[in-house]
Amino acid sequence: MISYSQLNPIPVSSFGHDSQAGIPGPIINVRDMGAKGDGRTDDTEVFQLAVDAVPLTGGTLIVPRGDYRIDVEQSITLHSNMLFLMDPAATLAALATNTSLYRMIRVWHANNVRIVGGRLVGERRLHVTDPVHTDPGQNEQGFGISIQSSNNIVVSDVHVSDCWGDGIWVGAFGSERDERFNQEYADFPKHVPSNNVLINRVTSTQNRRQGLSIGPVENMMVTNSTFSFSGPGPGPQEATDPMAGIDIEPQGQGYVRNVVVSHCIMTRNRGTGMEIHGNVVGVSVHDCTICDNFGYGFVTHEESNPWWREKELTGLSFTSNNVTRNGLEGTIILGKTNCALLADNILAGNGFRYPFKPGDGPYDEWATSHGALSPTAIGILDGVEPDPDKSTGADLLVQNTTTNVRLRNNTYTNKRDPDEEFGDPIGYPID
């Protein structure tokens, strides 16, 4: 597994971060290149000129405090061997667009890149496209940071919010959308996973789809970060599934291997706090708080979808986490999940919105498939709000298709047999 020393994370200094960060070469300042940062001027082209002025052999791009406007249809494309260092008071704010396909910062087929400090603000509040789209997959691709087929990448001390799609996406280059986004990448190798990625001290919040999506990647660590409030925005604006804090879902592009999520908070998301789908081998989730999500707390789900070609979800360690006050069941282990350990977790006060009932199928209340819900469906009856202290739902459900699931020393609110280390089996009546 990757370690901090292997990734050479950027040390914190009185300025916020060490500007050298182990990357040799000159220091370029976007202000010296002509960036205004006045909250009115489109600084995109100047930013790209400044990036291109950093030598390919290594260097640092400094972004002083200011309000920089960015055309997300153009993107800022970072290259190998560079540090993109923003002052904590620097903001990159997206200009309004009518396209649903954009990346504010793009790291594609690059090595040894660090993005540190500052704020990225998307344009979901300014977006002019009708969110109801004939092809939902084309209406969820507005990303704050897109990392694809890249190695040795650090994102640290960054605040990302209000993106039309995901705050951060990490995965492999190769979808049809990628090629259409920029034809210059059409001949690059496809479906090559990213490798050695560190997400550290990041806040990703108020994004329309989710906080962090993980596609094909090997050796990734997500730590000391918060992923919150994914889902519908202000007023009547709808969101797009899954509306999760963290979603590990490589689909048919490849595999996710060896991911650690530690000391993170996933809270107040409209969907699930964290979910893991198929084509995933080796995930450790420990010392995290997953609470107050509208849907489930934590879900694993291997689907036999012929297009996604999902084959396995194996090697899960879920330990020392607090999964509390989630609207649906706290933790669900679904599908053909294999070789999973759930130990020393606190699973309490979940399922207060509506629990599984007799006759429900295991997927009937799958949080990522919810559309608009009626007041009755979300548990508001006769003007009475759901009360986590009166939870009647299960804190843990394990489907009988799973294999090698081990449960040790977990704490539950609701348990059918207090003498057994097991939660409520899926689909059973809740007494």
Protein backbone atom coordinates (compact mmCIF):
# COMPACT_ATOMS: atom_id res chain seq x y z
CA MET A 1 0.00 0.00 0.00
CA ILE A 2 1.17 3.54 -0.70
CA SER A 3 2.44 5.60 2.19
CA TYR A 4 2.90 9.29 2.82
CA SER A 5 6.64 8.95 2.38
CA GLN A 6 6.22 7.30 -0.99
CA LEU A 7 3.96 10.10 -2.20
CA ASN A 8 6.09 12.84 -0.61
CA PRO A 9 3.10 14.91 0.55
CA ILE A 10 3.53 18.65 0.83
CA PRO A 11 4.38 19.75 4.38
CA VAL A 12 2.34 22.47 6.01
CA SER A 13 4.18 25.74 6.68
CA SER A 14 3.16 29.14 8.02
CA PHE A 15 2.12 30.13 4.47
CA GLY A 16 -0.03 27.04 4.26
CA HIS A 17 2.27 24.75 2.35
CA ASP A 18 5.92 24.39 1.43
CA SER A 19 6.18 25.88 -2.05
CA GLN A 20 9.07 23.63 -3.02
CA ALA A 21 7.45 20.34 -1.93
CA GLY A 22 10.31 18.29 -3.29
CA ILE A 23 9.64 19.40 -6.88
CA PRO A 24 12.71 21.09 -8.42
CA GLY A 25 12.55 23.89 -10.93
CA PRO A 26 11.41 27.49 -11.19
CA ILE A 27 8.39 29.11 -9.53
CA ILE A 28 5.83 30.77 -11.81
CA ASN A 29 3.25 33.21 -10.44
CA VAL A 30 -0.06 33.50 -12.35
CA ARG A 31 -0.22 37.20 -11.45
CA ASP A 32 3.10 37.79 -13.19
CA MET A 33 1.61 36.12 -16.28
CA GLY A 34 -1.31 38.55 -16.27
CA ALA A 35 -4.05 36.87 -14.22
CA LYS A 36 -6.38 39.43 -12.63
CA GLY A 37 -8.21 37.51 -9.93
CA ASP A 38 -10.73 40.34 -9.68
CA GLY A 39 -13.91 38.23 -9.80
CA ARG A 40 -14.83 39.53 -13.27
CA THR A 41 -12.06 38.71 -15.74
CA ASP A 42 -11.89 35.33 -17.47
CA ASP A 43 -8.42 34.17 -16.40
CA THR A 44 -8.52 30.74 -18.07
CA GLU A 45 -6.11 31.39 -20.92
CA VAL A 46 -3.63 33.11 -18.63
CA PHE A 47 -3.75 30.14 -16.24
CA GLN A 48 -3.02 27.74 -19.08
CA LEU A 49 -0.14 29.91 -20.31
CA ALA A 50 1.24 29.91 -16.78
CA VAL A 51 0.92 26.11 -16.53
CA ASP A 52 2.67 25.72 -19.87
CA ALA A 53 5.47 27.99 -18.64
CA VAL A 54 6.30 25.48 -15.89
CA PRO A 55 9.04 23.24 -17.34
CA LEU A 56 8.16 19.62 -17.99
CA THR A 57 11.21 18.74 -15.92
CA GLY A 58 9.57 20.24 -12.83
CA GLY A 59 8.39 23.47 -11.25
CA THR A 60 5.73 25.24 -9.20
CA LEU A 61 2.80 27.40 -10.23
CA ILE A 62 1.79 29.86 -7.50
CA VAL A 63 -1.80 31.17 -7.33
CA PRO A 64 -1.98 34.11 -4.89
CA ARG A 65 -5.19 35.08 -3.12
CA GLY A 66 -7.91 36.34 -5.42
CA ASP A 67 -11.15 35.40 -7.17
CA TYR A 68 -10.22 33.87 -10.54
CA ARG A 69 -12.92 33.16 -13.12
CA ILE A 70 -12.43 29.98 -15.14
CA ASP A 71 -14.09 28.82 -18.37
CA VAL A 72 -14.72 25.17 -17.53
CA GLU A 73 -15.33 24.28 -21.16
CA GLN A 74 -11.62 24.97 -21.74
CA SER A 75 -10.30 23.56 -18.43
CA ILE A 76 -6.92 24.10 -16.82
CA THR A 77 -4.78 21.17 -17.96
CA LEU A 78 -1.86 20.31 -15.69
CA HIS A 79 1.19 18.42 -16.94
CA SER A 80 3.72 16.11 -15.32
CA ASN A 81 6.20 17.14 -12.64
CA MET A 82 4.47 20.21 -11.29
CA LEU A 83 3.02 21.64 -8.11
CA PHE A 84 -0.16 23.69 -8.50
CA LEU A 85 -0.08 25.71 -5.27
CA MET A 86 -2.98 27.96 -4.32
CA ASP A 87 -3.04 30.39 -1.44
CA PRO A 88 -5.74 29.36 1.07
CA ALA A 89 -7.60 32.56 0.11
CA ALA A 90 -7.46 31.83 -3.65
CA THR A 91 -10.70 30.81 -5.36
CA LEU A 92 -11.18 29.39 -8.85
CA ALA A 93 -14.84 29.98 -9.71
CA ALA A 94 -16.47 28.48 -12.80
CA LEU A 95 -18.15 30.73 -15.31
CA ALA A 96 -21.72 29.76 -16.18
CA THR A 97 -22.08 27.26 -19.00
CA ASN A 98 -24.83 25.37 -20.79
CA THR A 99 -22.75 22.24 -21.20
CA SER A 100 -23.02 19.28 -18.85
CA LEU A 101 -19.54 18.01 -19.77
CA TYR A 102 -16.65 19.89 -18.18
CA ARG A 103 -13.60 19.62 -15.95
CA MET A 104 -12.30 22.65 -14.07
CA ILE A 105 -8.84 21.14 -13.47
CA ARG A 106 -7.71 18.24 -15.62
CA VAL A 107 -4.86 15.82 -14.87
CA TRP A 108 -4.84 13.28 -17.73
CA HIS A 109 -1.91 10.99 -18.60
CA ALA A 110 0.38 12.91 -16.24
CA ASN A 111 2.87 11.92 -13.53
CA ASN A 112 4.02 13.55 -10.29
CA VAL A 113 1.39 16.28 -9.93
CA ARG A 114 0.34 17.99 -6.72
CA ILE A 115 -2.69 20.22 -6.31
CA VAL A 116 -2.57 22.03 -2.98
CA GLY A 117 -4.68 24.65 -1.22
CA GLY A 118 -7.40 27.05 -2.27
CA ARG A 119 -11.03 26.65 -3.29
CA LEU A 120 -12.72 25.39 -6.44
CA VAL A 121 -16.33 26.52 -6.91
CA GLY A 122 -18.41 25.00 -9.71
CA GLU A 123 -21.31 26.60 -11.53
CA ARG A 124 -24.29 24.43 -10.58
CA ARG A 125 -26.12 27.48 -9.20
CA LEU A 126 -25.61 29.27 -12.53
CA HIS A 127 -26.14 26.29 -14.84
CA VAL A 128 -28.70 26.97 -17.55
CA THR A 129 -29.32 23.44 -18.85
CA ASP A 130 -32.48 21.60 -17.90
CA PRO A 131 -31.29 18.94 -15.42
CA VAL A 132 -33.84 16.45 -16.82
CA HIS A 133 -31.88 14.96 -19.72
CA THR A 134 -32.72 12.17 -22.15
CA ASP A 135 -29.36 10.53 -21.41
CA PRO A 136 -28.60 10.95 -17.69
CA GLY A 137 -25.01 9.77 -18.22
CA GLN A 138 -24.38 12.87 -20.31
CA ASN A 139 -25.78 15.23 -17.72
CA GLU A 140 -23.53 14.51 -14.76
CA GLN A 141 -20.02 15.16 -16.04
CA GLY A 142 -19.19 18.57 -14.63
CA PHE A 143 -16.16 17.86 -12.41
CA GLY A 144 -14.03 20.07 -10.19
CA ILE A 145 -10.87 17.92 -10.50
CA SER A 146 -10.56 15.10 -13.03
CA ILE A 147 -7.62 12.70 -12.59
CA GLN A 148 -7.39 10.03 -15.28
CA SER A 149 -4.67 7.53 -16.18
CA SER A 150 -2.16 9.46 -14.06
CA ASN A 151 0.47 8.41 -11.52
CA ASN A 152 1.76 9.83 -8.24
CA ILE A 153 -0.92 12.47 -7.73
CA VAL A 154 -1.63 14.43 -4.54
CA VAL A 155 -4.69 16.59 -3.86
CA SER A 156 -4.32 18.25 -0.48
CA ASP A 157 -6.01 21.01 1.54
CA VAL A 158 -8.45 21.83 -1.26
CA HIS A 159 -12.11 22.83 -0.84
CA VAL A 160 -14.34 21.79 -3.79
CA SER A 161 -18.01 22.72 -4.04
CA ASP A 162 -21.02 23.31 -6.29
CA CYS A 163 -19.94 21.20 -9.25
CA TRP A 164 -22.54 20.07 -11.77
CA GLY A 165 -21.27 16.48 -11.39
CA ASP A 166 -18.60 15.30 -8.94
CA GLY A 167 -16.24 17.32 -6.83
CA ILE A 168 -13.36 14.95 -7.66
CA TRP A 169 -13.15 12.08 -10.13
CA VAL A 170 -10.23 9.62 -10.16
CA GLY A 171 -10.06 6.86 -12.74
CA ALA A 172 -8.99 5.82 -16.22
CA PHE A 173 -9.15 7.72 -19.48
CA GLY A 174 -11.12 6.00 -22.21
CA SER A 175 -14.84 6.66 -22.29
CA GLU A 176 -16.48 8.05 -25.37
CA ARG A 177 -17.16 11.23 -23.43
CA ASP A 178 -13.44 11.69 -22.79
CA GLU A 179 -12.60 11.64 -26.48
CA ARG A 180 -15.43 13.96 -27.34
CA PHE A 181 -14.30 16.36 -24.63
CA ASN A 182 -10.93 16.86 -26.31
CA GLN A 183 -9.90 15.23 -29.55
CA GLU A 184 -6.19 15.71 -28.83
CA TYR A 185 -6.45 12.71 -26.49
CA ALA A 186 -8.10 10.42 -29.06
CA ASP A 187 -4.92 8.42 -29.69
CA PHE A 188 -3.90 8.05 -26.03
CA PRO A 189 -4.06 4.57 -24.49
CA LYS A 190 -7.44 3.79 -22.99
CA HIS A 191 -8.55 2.17 -19.74
CA VAL A 192 -5.16 2.60 -18.07
CA PRO A 193 -5.85 2.97 -14.33
CA SER A 194 -4.43 5.80 -12.28
CA ASN A 195 -1.81 4.74 -9.74
CA ASN A 196 -0.61 6.11 -6.38
CA VAL A 197 -3.15 8.81 -5.59
CA LEU A 198 -3.46 10.64 -2.27
CA ILE A 199 -6.52 12.71 -1.31
CA ASN A 200 -5.66 14.43 1.96
CA ARG A 201 -7.44 17.11 4.02
CA VAL A 202 -9.98 17.79 1.27
CA THR A 203 -13.54 19.04 1.66
CA SER A 204 -15.93 18.23 -1.18
CA THR A 205 -19.44 19.53 -0.59
CA GLN A 206 -22.68 20.67 -2.25
CA ASN A 207 -21.90 18.89 -5.52
CA ARG A 208 -24.80 17.81 -7.68
CA ARG A 209 -23.79 14.17 -8.10
CA GLN A 210 -21.27 13.25 -5.41
CA GLY A 211 -18.21 14.28 -3.48
CA LEU A 212 -15.67 11.75 -4.77
CA SER A 213 -15.99 9.11 -7.49
CA ILE A 214 -13.35 6.44 -7.88
CA GLY A 215 -12.98 4.55 -11.15
CA PRO A 216 -10.06 2.33 -12.23
CA VAL A 217 -7.15 3.06 -9.88
CA GLU A 218 -4.45 1.13 -8.07
CA ASN A 219 -3.02 2.22 -4.72
CA MET A 220 -5.09 5.12 -3.49
CA MET A 221 -5.45 6.72 -0.06
CA VAL A 222 -8.26 9.06 1.01
CA THR A 223 -7.69 10.49 4.46
CA ASN A 224 -8.70 13.32 6.81
CA SER A 225 -11.35 14.52 4.35
CA THR A 226 -15.05 15.39 4.37
CA PHE A 227 -17.64 14.57 1.69
CA SER A 228 -21.02 16.12 2.35
CA PHE A 229 -24.31 17.48 1.02
CA SER A 230 -24.21 15.72 -2.36
CA GLY A 231 -27.56 15.99 -4.10
CA PRO A 232 -30.23 18.58 -4.83
CA GLY A 233 -29.23 22.20 -4.77
CA PRO A 234 -31.08 25.36 -3.83
CA GLY A 235 -34.67 25.86 -4.91
CA PRO A 236 -36.17 23.33 -7.31
CA GLN A 237 -32.85 22.12 -8.71
CA GLU A 238 -32.72 18.32 -8.87
CA ALA A 239 -29.62 16.16 -8.55
CA THR A 240 -28.43 13.01 -10.29
CA ASP A 241 -27.74 9.57 -8.82
CA PRO A 242 -25.99 8.26 -6.82
CA MET A 243 -25.69 11.47 -4.73
CA ALA A 244 -23.13 9.73 -2.51
CA GLY A 245 -20.28 11.04 -0.42
CA ILE A 246 -17.83 8.52 -1.93
CA ASP A 247 -18.70 6.14 -4.77
CA ILE A 248 -16.23 3.42 -5.85
CA GLU A 249 -17.65 2.31 -9.18
CA PRO A 250 -15.22 1.43 -12.01
CA GLN A 251 -17.96 -0.25 -14.08
CA GLY A 252 -16.59 -1.79 -17.27
CA GLN A 253 -13.51 0.41 -17.58
CA GLY A 254 -11.30 -1.74 -15.38
CA TYR A 255 -10.55 -2.52 -11.74
CA VAL A 256 -10.08 -0.67 -8.48
CA ARG A 257 -7.31 -2.27 -6.43
CA ASN A 258 -5.90 -1.41 -3.03
CA VAL A 259 -7.75 1.64 -1.69
CA VAL A 260 -7.67 2.95 1.89
CA VAL A 261 -10.27 5.39 3.21
CA SER A 262 -9.41 6.55 6.72
CA HIS A 263 -10.40 9.27 9.18
CA CYS A 264 -12.96 10.71 6.79
CA ILE A 265 -16.46 12.11 7.32
CA MET A 266 -19.34 11.32 4.96
CA THR A 267 -22.41 13.23 6.09
CA ARG A 268 -25.69 14.81 4.96
CA ASN A 269 -25.56 13.33 1.47
CA ARG A 270 -28.87 12.82 -0.33
CA GLY A 271 -27.91 9.25 -1.24
CA THR A 272 -25.49 6.89 0.47
CA GLY A 273 -22.57 7.96 2.63
CA MET A 274 -20.23 5.53 0.85
CA GLU A 275 -20.90 2.81 -1.70
CA ILE A 276 -18.73 0.21 -3.41
CA HIS A 277 -19.68 -1.63 -6.61
CA GLY A 278 -18.10 -4.50 -8.56
CA ASN A 279 -14.67 -4.88 -10.15
CA VAL A 280 -13.11 -3.90 -6.82
CA VAL A 281 -10.38 -5.83 -5.02
CA GLY A 282 -8.99 -4.72 -1.68
CA VAL A 283 -10.61 -1.77 0.13
CA SER A 284 -10.00 -0.75 3.74
CA VAL A 285 -12.37 1.71 5.39
CA HIS A 286 -11.45 2.54 8.96
CA ASP A 287 -11.93 5.24 11.60
CA CYS A 288 -14.53 7.07 9.51
CA THR A 289 -17.78 8.79 10.51
CA ILE A 290 -20.71 8.03 8.21
CA CYS A 291 -23.72 9.80 9.61
CA ASP A 292 -26.92 11.72 8.86
CA ASN A 293 -27.10 10.67 5.22
CA PHE A 294 -30.58 10.66 3.72
CA GLY A 295 -30.08 7.16 2.25
CA TYR A 296 -27.92 4.30 3.50
CA GLY A 297 -24.74 4.71 5.46
CA PHE A 298 -22.45 2.18 3.75
CA VAL A 299 -23.24 -0.25 0.92
CA THR A 300 -21.36 -2.88 -1.08
CA HIS A 301 -23.08 -4.06 -4.20
CA GLU A 302 -21.75 -6.35 -6.94
CA GLU A 303 -24.04 -6.27 -9.96
CA SER A 304 -24.02 -8.77 -12.81
CA ASN A 305 -24.55 -6.09 -15.41
CA PRO A 306 -23.42 -7.33 -18.85
CA TRP A 307 -22.45 -3.86 -20.05
CA TRP A 308 -20.44 -3.01 -16.93
CA ARG A 309 -19.02 -6.56 -16.85
CA GLU A 310 -18.75 -6.45 -13.07
CA LYS A 311 -17.13 -9.66 -11.89
CA GLU A 312 -16.16 -9.36 -8.27
CA LEU A 313 -16.09 -7.33 -5.13
CA THR A 314 -13.68 -8.93 -2.73
CA GLY A 315 -11.33 -8.09 0.10
CA LEU A 316 -13.18 -5.50 2.22
CA SER A 317 -12.07 -4.40 5.66
CA PHE A 318 -14.59 -2.13 7.42
CA THR A 319 -13.35 -1.41 10.93
CA SER A 320 -13.69 1.11 13.77
CA ASN A 321 -16.23 3.27 11.95
CA ASN A 322 -19.23 5.18 13.33
CA VAL A 323 -22.28 4.60 11.12
CA THR A 324 -25.12 6.46 12.80
CA ARG A 325 -28.41 8.27 12.16
CA ASN A 326 -28.66 7.39 8.46
CA GLY A 327 -32.17 7.48 7.05
CA LEU A 328 -32.12 3.96 5.63
CA GLU A 329 -30.27 0.92 6.91
CA GLY A 330 -26.83 1.69 8.29
CA THR A 331 -24.69 -0.88 6.50
CA ILE A 332 -25.74 -3.30 3.76
CA ILE A 333 -23.52 -6.00 2.26
CA LEU A 334 -25.19 -7.01 -1.01
CA GLY A 335 -24.73 -9.14 -4.11
CA LYS A 336 -21.74 -11.45 -4.33
CA THR A 337 -19.49 -9.51 -2.00
CA ASN A 338 -16.74 -11.91 -0.91
CA CYS A 339 -14.24 -11.93 1.93
CA ALA A 340 -15.37 -8.99 4.07
CA LEU A 341 -14.53 -8.15 7.68
CA LEU A 342 -16.73 -5.78 9.69
CA ALA A 343 -15.24 -5.27 13.14
CA ASP A 344 -15.39 -2.80 16.04
CA ASN A 345 -17.91 -0.54 14.32
CA ILE A 346 -20.67 1.45 16.01
CA LEU A 347 -23.83 0.94 13.96
CA ALA A 348 -26.60 2.81 15.74
CA GLY A 349 -29.77 4.81 15.17
CA ASN A 350 -30.10 3.97 11.48
CA GLY A 351 -33.17 3.13 9.43
CA PHE A 352 -35.46 5.74 10.94
CA ARG A 353 -36.74 7.00 7.58
CA TYR A 354 -38.28 3.71 6.52
CA PRO A 355 -36.91 0.20 7.11
CA PHE A 356 -37.26 -2.89 4.99
CA LYS A 357 -40.74 -4.40 5.35
CA PRO A 358 -42.13 -7.90 4.79
CA GLY A 359 -42.26 -8.59 1.06
CA ASP A 360 -39.63 -6.03 0.07
CA GLY A 361 -37.03 -7.22 -2.39
CA PRO A 362 -33.36 -6.61 -1.53
CA TYR A 363 -33.06 -3.80 -4.08
CA ASP A 364 -36.49 -2.16 -3.75
CA GLU A 365 -35.15 0.66 -1.62
CA TRP A 366 -31.76 1.04 -3.29
CA ALA A 367 -30.86 4.63 -2.45
CA THR A 368 -29.14 5.39 -5.74
CA SER A 369 -32.31 4.71 -7.74
CA HIS A 370 -34.53 7.13 -5.87
CA GLY A 371 -36.22 9.88 -7.78
CA ALA A 372 -38.43 12.47 -6.20
CA LEU A 373 -39.93 11.09 -3.00
CA SER A 374 -43.33 11.88 -1.59
CA PRO A 375 -43.67 13.13 1.99
CA THR A 376 -45.04 9.73 2.99
CA ALA A 377 -42.13 7.90 1.36
CA ILE A 378 -39.55 9.82 3.30
CA GLY A 379 -41.22 9.04 6.60
CA ILE A 380 -43.02 12.31 7.27
CA LEU A 381 -46.47 11.23 8.43
CA ASP A 382 -49.06 13.67 9.72
CA GLY A 383 -46.42 16.37 9.96
CA VAL A 384 -44.15 14.29 12.20
CA GLU A 385 -40.48 14.37 11.21
CA PRO A 386 -38.39 11.17 11.29
CA ASP A 387 -36.68 10.70 14.64
CA PRO A 388 -33.34 8.84 14.76
CA ASP A 389 -33.92 8.13 18.44
CA LYS A 390 -36.95 6.05 17.47
CA SER A 391 -35.16 3.99 14.84
CA THR A 392 -36.82 0.70 14.00
CA GLY A 393 -34.69 -0.18 10.99
CA ALA A 394 -31.71 -2.48 10.86
CA ASP A 395 -28.21 -1.20 11.45
CA LEU A 396 -26.69 -4.05 9.45
CA LEU A 397 -28.10 -6.22 6.67
CA VAL A 398 -26.16 -9.00 4.95
CA GLN A 399 -27.63 -10.66 1.87
CA ASN A 400 -27.48 -14.45 1.72
CA THR A 401 -25.65 -14.35 -1.64
CA THR A 402 -22.51 -12.96 0.01
CA THR A 403 -19.64 -15.22 1.09
CA ASN A 404 -16.98 -15.13 3.81
CA VAL A 405 -18.45 -12.18 5.68
CA ARG A 406 -17.01 -11.99 9.19
CA LEU A 407 -18.52 -9.84 11.95
CA ARG A 408 -16.69 -9.06 15.18
CA ASN A 409 -17.40 -6.79 18.14
CA ASN A 410 -19.80 -4.43 16.41
CA THR A 411 -22.31 -2.38 18.40
CA TYR A 412 -25.93 -2.18 17.20
CA THR A 413 -29.09 -0.35 18.16
CA ASN A 414 -31.36 -3.07 16.81
CA LYS A 415 -30.33 -6.71 16.80
CA ARG A 416 -32.56 -9.75 16.54
CA ASP A 417 -30.46 -11.91 18.83
CA PRO A 418 -28.22 -10.10 21.34
CA ASP A 419 -26.21 -13.30 21.81
CA GLU A 420 -25.15 -13.40 18.16
CA GLU A 421 -22.69 -11.14 16.35
CA PHE A 422 -24.97 -10.49 13.42
CA GLY A 423 -27.39 -7.89 12.16
CA ASP A 424 -30.81 -8.41 10.66
CA PRO A 425 -30.83 -10.58 7.52
CA ILE A 426 -32.04 -8.74 4.49
CA GLY A 427 -35.74 -8.60 3.73
CA TYR A 428 -36.83 -10.02 7.07
CA PRO A 429 -39.64 -8.32 9.02
CA ILE A 430 -38.48 -5.87 11.65
CA ASP A 431 -40.22 -6.74 14.90
